[in-house]
Amino acid sequence: MKKALFIIVLVLLIDQISKIYIKTNFFYGEEVVVFDWFRIHFIENNGMAWGAEFGGKAGKLFLTIFRLFAITGIGYWLYTSVKKKAHTILIVAISLIFAGAMGNIIDSVFYGTIFNTPGGLNIATLFSDKPYGKLFFGKVVDMLYFPMWSGNLPSWIPFYGGKPFTFFNAIFNVADTAISTGVGLLIVFNKKVFPKEV
């Protein structure tokens, strides 16, 4: 459990420090080119994958509450896995998923109440007297962007041929990376972490 807690705390610290730094030092939409294939690009979203939105404020509230229930289930899964002395890879994977989910939940639950703007013409101020939202209505901060290739697709590709395309065009954060890594470990090491009972 100590190793699991270490992973969770480490991921949460890196995630929240990076988000708060970006939020309080970048204009919304500002981009810094680190390499041609890696950029820091500040955007925000309501917390769904690929920035998708549904149902307005009610949808946002439902999503946040759903995540709180989901994180409770993931936490219980981690606890029981540790108690059963499950494979180390399983413990690491669940810890990463838990930490990533918690990182984005912190944004969704609290950021609307502690920052004065979700972006725009001004750089946000932490612990503002005039926050941009309410509890459970914060936006998730994203900044990691890896546009490894941009160009027009070959014309022979159905539907998308000849159109401009960027790989990889998603912008994400450390929490998303932790979740993806955890899920990836479960997929790659499926037979080790979920052995069949003889």
Protein backbone atom coordinates (compact mmCIF):
# COMPACT_ATOMS: atom_id res chain seq x y z
CA MET A 1 0.00 0.00 0.00
CA LYS A 2 2.93 2.36 0.67
CA LYS A 3 4.13 1.95 -2.93
CA ALA A 4 0.62 2.56 -4.23
CA LEU A 5 0.26 5.70 -2.12
CA PHE A 6 3.67 6.92 -3.29
CA ILE A 7 2.62 6.55 -6.95
CA ILE A 8 -0.70 8.30 -6.30
CA VAL A 9 0.83 11.23 -4.40
CA LEU A 10 3.65 11.62 -6.96
CA VAL A 11 1.28 11.67 -9.94
CA LEU A 12 -1.11 14.07 -8.19
CA LEU A 13 1.71 16.46 -7.29
CA ILE A 14 3.14 16.53 -10.82
CA ASP A 15 -0.34 16.84 -12.31
CA GLN A 16 -1.58 19.66 -10.09
CA ILE A 17 1.69 21.62 -10.05
CA SER A 18 1.84 21.53 -13.86
CA LYS A 19 -1.82 22.57 -14.20
CA ILE A 20 -1.59 25.42 -11.70
CA TYR A 21 1.63 26.66 -13.30
CA ILE A 22 0.11 26.64 -16.79
CA LYS A 23 -3.13 28.23 -15.60
CA THR A 24 -1.37 31.07 -13.77
CA ASN A 25 1.37 31.73 -16.34
CA PHE A 26 -0.18 31.14 -19.79
CA PHE A 27 -2.85 32.98 -21.72
CA TYR A 28 -5.64 30.71 -22.90
CA GLY A 29 -4.53 29.16 -26.20
CA GLU A 30 -0.88 30.17 -25.71
CA GLU A 31 1.62 27.70 -27.11
CA VAL A 32 5.31 27.10 -26.48
CA VAL A 33 7.17 24.96 -29.03
CA VAL A 34 9.59 22.65 -27.20
CA PHE A 35 10.30 20.52 -30.29
CA ASP A 36 8.50 20.37 -33.65
CA TRP A 37 6.70 17.27 -32.38
CA PHE A 38 6.10 18.45 -28.77
CA ARG A 39 4.41 21.64 -27.62
CA ILE A 40 2.92 23.10 -24.45
CA HIS A 41 -0.51 24.37 -25.49
CA PHE A 42 -2.95 25.66 -22.85
CA ILE A 43 -6.60 24.73 -23.30
CA GLU A 44 -9.45 23.68 -21.00
CA ASN A 45 -12.47 21.44 -21.30
CA ASN A 46 -15.39 20.22 -19.22
CA GLY A 47 -13.65 16.95 -18.52
CA MET A 48 -14.83 14.50 -21.15
CA ALA A 49 -12.48 12.71 -23.52
CA TRP A 50 -11.47 14.75 -26.59
CA GLY A 51 -13.18 17.81 -25.07
CA ALA A 52 -16.66 16.47 -25.82
CA GLU A 53 -19.59 18.11 -24.04
CA PHE A 54 -23.21 17.14 -23.50
CA GLY A 55 -26.22 18.34 -21.55
CA GLY A 56 -24.88 21.76 -20.53
CA LYS A 57 -24.57 22.37 -16.79
CA ALA A 58 -26.67 19.32 -15.93
CA GLY A 59 -24.39 17.13 -18.05
CA LYS A 60 -21.31 18.60 -16.42
CA LEU A 61 -22.71 17.98 -12.93
CA PHE A 62 -23.67 14.42 -13.85
CA LEU A 63 -20.19 13.76 -15.23
CA THR A 64 -18.48 15.04 -12.07
CA ILE A 65 -20.75 13.04 -9.75
CA PHE A 66 -20.26 9.94 -11.90
CA ARG A 67 -16.50 10.38 -11.62
CA LEU A 68 -16.74 10.61 -7.84
CA PHE A 69 -18.57 7.28 -7.74
CA ALA A 70 -16.08 5.79 -10.21
CA ILE A 71 -13.07 6.89 -8.15
CA THR A 72 -14.65 5.28 -5.08
CA GLY A 73 -14.91 2.00 -6.99
CA ILE A 74 -11.32 2.27 -8.25
CA GLY A 75 -10.14 2.99 -4.71
CA TYR A 76 -11.95 -0.09 -3.42
CA TRP A 77 -10.42 -2.17 -6.25
CA LEU A 78 -6.97 -0.94 -5.26
CA TYR A 79 -7.58 -1.69 -1.57
CA THR A 80 -8.82 -5.24 -2.20
CA SER A 81 -6.00 -5.93 -4.67
CA VAL A 82 -3.41 -4.91 -2.07
CA LYS A 83 -5.12 -7.03 0.60
CA LYS A 84 -5.09 -10.04 -1.74
CA LYS A 85 -1.42 -9.39 -2.57
CA ALA A 86 -2.17 -9.12 -6.27
CA HIS A 87 0.58 -8.84 -8.89
CA THR A 88 2.71 -5.69 -8.59
CA ILE A 89 1.83 -4.63 -12.14
CA LEU A 90 -1.87 -4.68 -11.22
CA ILE A 91 -1.24 -2.53 -8.14
CA VAL A 92 0.82 -0.04 -10.18
CA ALA A 93 -1.81 0.08 -12.94
CA ILE A 94 -4.71 0.70 -10.57
CA SER A 95 -2.68 3.32 -8.68
CA LEU A 96 -1.99 5.19 -11.93
CA ILE A 97 -5.64 5.04 -12.98
CA PHE A 98 -6.78 6.19 -9.53
CA ALA A 99 -4.28 9.08 -9.44
CA GLY A 100 -5.18 10.21 -12.95
CA ALA A 101 -8.89 10.13 -12.26
CA MET A 102 -8.38 12.00 -8.99
CA GLY A 103 -6.25 14.64 -10.74
CA ASN A 104 -9.01 15.48 -13.22
CA ILE A 105 -11.68 15.33 -10.50
CA ILE A 106 -9.80 17.98 -8.52
CA ASP A 107 -10.03 20.28 -11.57
CA SER A 108 -13.72 19.56 -12.11
CA VAL A 109 -14.73 19.97 -8.48
CA PHE A 110 -12.53 22.84 -7.27
CA TYR A 111 -10.99 24.88 -10.11
CA GLY A 112 -14.19 26.84 -10.73
CA THR A 113 -14.08 28.09 -7.14
CA ILE A 114 -10.39 29.04 -6.89
CA PHE A 115 -9.55 30.64 -10.26
CA ASN A 116 -10.98 33.92 -11.51
CA THR A 117 -11.14 33.00 -15.18
CA PRO A 118 -11.25 29.85 -17.33
CA GLY A 119 -8.95 31.59 -19.81
CA GLY A 120 -9.59 34.44 -22.19
CA LEU A 121 -7.69 37.73 -22.37
CA ASN A 122 -6.26 37.51 -18.85
CA ILE A 123 -3.99 35.06 -17.07
CA ALA A 124 -5.86 33.35 -14.25
CA THR A 125 -5.32 34.23 -10.61
CA LEU A 126 -5.23 31.49 -7.98
CA PHE A 127 -7.58 31.94 -4.99
CA SER A 128 -9.41 34.84 -6.60
CA ASP A 129 -12.22 36.78 -4.90
CA LYS A 130 -14.22 36.43 -8.11
CA PRO A 131 -13.99 32.79 -9.25
CA TYR A 132 -15.28 31.85 -12.70
CA GLY A 133 -17.57 29.04 -11.54
CA LYS A 134 -19.02 27.05 -8.70
CA LEU A 135 -18.19 23.83 -6.89
CA PHE A 136 -18.43 20.85 -9.31
CA PHE A 137 -18.29 23.14 -12.36
CA GLY A 138 -14.54 23.59 -12.88
CA LYS A 139 -12.80 22.98 -16.18
CA VAL A 140 -9.95 20.51 -16.69
CA VAL A 141 -6.61 22.03 -17.70
CA ASP A 142 -4.77 20.40 -20.63
CA MET A 143 -1.37 21.32 -22.03
CA LEU A 144 0.58 18.39 -23.52
CA TYR A 145 0.44 18.41 -27.32
CA PHE A 146 2.35 16.05 -29.64
CA PRO A 147 1.61 16.97 -33.30
CA MET A 148 4.06 14.38 -34.66
CA TRP A 149 2.94 14.74 -38.27
CA SER A 150 0.80 17.24 -40.17
CA GLY A 151 -0.14 17.21 -43.83
CA ASN A 152 -2.76 16.22 -46.37
CA LEU A 153 -3.87 12.60 -46.44
CA PRO A 154 -3.45 10.65 -49.70
CA SER A 155 -6.41 11.11 -52.02
CA TRP A 156 -7.07 7.34 -52.23
CA ILE A 157 -8.18 7.15 -48.56
CA PRO A 158 -12.01 6.93 -48.42
CA PHE A 159 -13.90 9.94 -46.97
CA TYR A 160 -10.77 11.70 -45.62
CA GLY A 161 -8.51 11.58 -48.68
CA GLY A 162 -6.87 14.89 -49.61
CA LYS A 163 -7.92 16.55 -46.34
CA PRO A 164 -5.49 18.06 -43.82
CA PHE A 165 -4.65 15.75 -40.92
CA THR A 166 -2.52 15.95 -37.76
CA PHE A 167 -1.20 12.96 -35.85
CA PHE A 168 -1.42 13.17 -32.84
CA ASN A 169 -3.85 16.10 -32.41
CA ALA A 170 -5.17 15.47 -28.87
CA ILE A 171 -4.12 17.86 -26.10
CA PHE A 172 -4.02 16.23 -22.68
CA ASN A 173 -2.46 16.42 -19.20
CA VAL A 174 -0.40 14.36 -16.74
CA ALA A 175 -3.55 12.83 -15.22
CA ASP A 176 -4.70 11.60 -18.64
CA THR A 177 -1.22 10.15 -19.22
CA ALA A 178 -1.41 8.24 -15.92
CA ILE A 179 -4.82 6.79 -16.79
CA SER A 180 -3.68 5.74 -20.27
CA THR A 181 -0.49 4.18 -18.89
CA GLY A 182 -2.44 2.25 -16.26
CA VAL A 183 -4.93 0.94 -18.83
CA GLY A 184 -2.04 0.09 -21.17
CA LEU A 185 -0.34 -1.97 -18.45
CA LEU A 186 -3.57 -3.91 -17.86
CA ILE A 187 -3.87 -4.66 -21.58
CA VAL A 188 -0.22 -5.58 -22.21
CA PHE A 189 0.18 -7.67 -19.05
CA ASN A 190 -3.37 -9.03 -19.03
CA LYS A 191 -2.34 -12.66 -18.48
CA LYS A 192 -0.05 -11.77 -15.57
CA VAL A 193 -2.41 -9.50 -13.70
CA PHE A 194 -5.54 -11.59 -14.32
CA PRO A 195 -4.28 -15.19 -14.25
CA LYS A 196 -6.80 -17.92 -14.98
CA GLU A 197 -7.62 -20.09 -12.02
CA VAL A 198 -6.77 -23.75 -12.61
